[in-house]
């Protein structure tokens, strides 16, 4: 048995995996999405929004950051479709975009608590 045969899976196995692999563009987008979760301030915002709809002032007060910093992080989250805003007069109240975001946060918490 050659070294190559020992290290490589069967051709059919490799082909099967390659056939099921999403396109590179999708994998790139997924990696970019997970980068958004790589910032602790954004995670804190998402976790706060997991509990309640909040305005920028509330988020800034909760996290002990400026309104400008909160707005910047909310913009990043909104561009990545993780949060949505609801206008009420001059105020915008933010919430998680959908159940997918709730599931990602919940599953992440479960994973680190194991």
Protein backbone atom coordinates (compact mmCIF):
# COMPACT_ATOMS: atom_id res chain seq x y z
CA UNK A 1 0.00 0.00 0.00
CA UNK A 2 1.47 3.35 -0.99
CA UNK A 3 1.46 6.36 1.31
CA UNK A 4 -1.08 8.11 -0.97
CA UNK A 5 -3.51 5.22 -0.72
CA UNK A 6 -3.23 5.25 3.05
CA UNK A 7 -3.93 8.99 3.38
CA UNK A 8 -6.72 9.34 0.81
CA UNK A 9 -10.35 8.33 1.07
CA UNK A 10 -11.97 6.37 -1.71
CA UNK A 11 -12.62 8.36 -4.87
CA UNK A 12 -16.36 7.78 -4.50
CA UNK A 13 -16.30 9.23 -0.97
CA UNK A 14 -14.44 12.35 -2.09
CA UNK A 15 -16.79 12.77 -5.07
CA UNK A 16 -19.84 12.38 -2.82
CA UNK A 17 -18.57 15.07 -0.44
CA UNK A 18 -17.69 17.41 -3.32
CA UNK A 19 -21.15 16.94 -4.84
CA UNK A 20 -22.76 18.02 -1.56
CA UNK A 21 -20.40 20.95 -0.92
CA UNK A 22 -22.14 24.34 -1.33
CA UNK A 23 -20.67 26.78 -3.86
CA UNK A 24 -17.66 28.82 -2.69
CA UNK A 25 -19.73 32.03 -2.73
CA UNK A 26 -22.19 30.57 -0.22
CA UNK A 27 -19.39 29.36 2.03
CA UNK A 28 -17.77 32.81 1.85
CA UNK A 29 -21.10 34.44 2.84
CA UNK A 30 -21.45 31.99 5.73
CA UNK A 31 -17.94 32.80 6.94
CA UNK A 32 -18.74 36.52 6.75
CA UNK A 33 -21.92 35.98 8.79
CA UNK A 34 -19.97 34.21 11.50
CA UNK A 35 -17.44 37.08 11.56
CA UNK A 36 -20.30 39.35 12.66
CA UNK A 37 -20.74 37.09 15.69
CA UNK A 38 -17.02 37.48 16.42
CA UNK A 39 -17.43 40.84 18.19
CA UNK A 40 -18.41 40.78 21.88
CA UNK A 41 -20.27 44.11 21.68
CA UNK A 42 -22.45 42.82 18.86
CA UNK A 43 -23.05 39.58 20.77
CA UNK A 44 -24.14 41.61 23.81
CA UNK A 45 -26.53 43.61 21.64
CA UNK A 46 -27.97 40.45 20.09
CA UNK A 47 -28.35 38.85 23.50
CA UNK A 48 -30.11 41.97 24.85
CA UNK A 49 -32.43 41.95 21.83
CA UNK A 50 -33.05 38.26 22.46
CA UNK A 51 -34.73 39.43 25.67
CA UNK A 52 -36.53 42.59 24.51
CA UNK A 53 -36.99 45.15 21.74
CA UNK A 54 -34.76 48.15 22.54
CA UNK A 55 -33.87 51.59 21.20
CA UNK A 56 -30.31 52.82 20.68
CA UNK A 57 -30.36 54.75 23.98
CA UNK A 58 -31.39 51.62 25.90
CA UNK A 59 -28.68 49.54 24.24
CA UNK A 60 -26.01 52.17 24.93
CA UNK A 61 -27.05 52.38 28.59
CA UNK A 62 -27.19 48.59 29.01
CA UNK A 63 -23.74 48.07 27.53
CA UNK A 64 -22.08 51.19 28.93
CA UNK A 65 -21.14 52.46 25.46
CA UNK A 66 -21.88 55.66 23.56
CA UNK A 67 -24.96 56.00 21.38
CA UNK A 68 -22.62 56.42 18.42
CA UNK A 69 -20.92 53.09 19.18
CA UNK A 70 -24.29 51.38 19.63
CA UNK A 71 -25.57 52.83 16.35
CA UNK A 72 -22.46 51.67 14.50
CA UNK A 73 -22.81 48.10 15.79
CA UNK A 74 -26.55 48.09 15.04
CA UNK A 75 -25.79 49.19 11.47
CA UNK A 76 -23.44 46.21 11.05
CA UNK A 77 -26.08 43.87 12.46
CA UNK A 78 -28.79 45.38 10.25
CA UNK A 79 -26.69 45.13 7.07
CA UNK A 80 -26.18 41.45 7.87
CA UNK A 81 -29.93 41.00 8.40
CA UNK A 82 -29.58 40.00 12.04
CA UNK A 83 -31.65 42.88 13.43
CA UNK A 84 -34.51 45.00 12.14
CA UNK A 85 -35.75 48.42 13.16
CA UNK A 86 -39.26 49.67 13.85
CA UNK A 87 -39.81 53.41 13.80
CA UNK A 88 -42.03 54.94 16.49
CA UNK A 89 -42.04 58.72 16.10
CA UNK A 90 -38.41 59.79 16.10
CA UNK A 91 -37.25 56.66 17.89
CA UNK A 92 -36.21 53.40 16.24
CA UNK A 93 -36.72 50.22 18.22
CA UNK A 94 -34.56 47.26 17.29
CA UNK A 95 -35.34 43.57 17.51
CA UNK A 96 -33.88 40.34 16.18
CA UNK A 97 -34.75 39.79 12.53
CA UNK A 98 -36.24 36.34 12.86
CA UNK A 99 -36.22 33.01 14.66
CA UNK A 100 -32.99 31.98 12.92
CA UNK A 101 -31.06 34.57 14.92
CA UNK A 102 -32.70 33.36 18.15
CA UNK A 103 -31.72 29.78 17.31
CA UNK A 104 -28.11 30.73 16.52
CA UNK A 105 -27.77 32.53 19.85
CA UNK A 106 -29.53 29.77 21.82
CA UNK A 107 -27.48 27.00 20.21
CA UNK A 108 -24.27 28.95 20.75
CA UNK A 109 -25.09 29.35 24.43
CA UNK A 110 -25.95 25.64 24.73
CA UNK A 111 -22.67 24.73 23.07
CA UNK A 112 -20.50 26.77 25.43
CA UNK A 113 -22.44 25.58 28.50
CA UNK A 114 -21.72 21.90 27.73
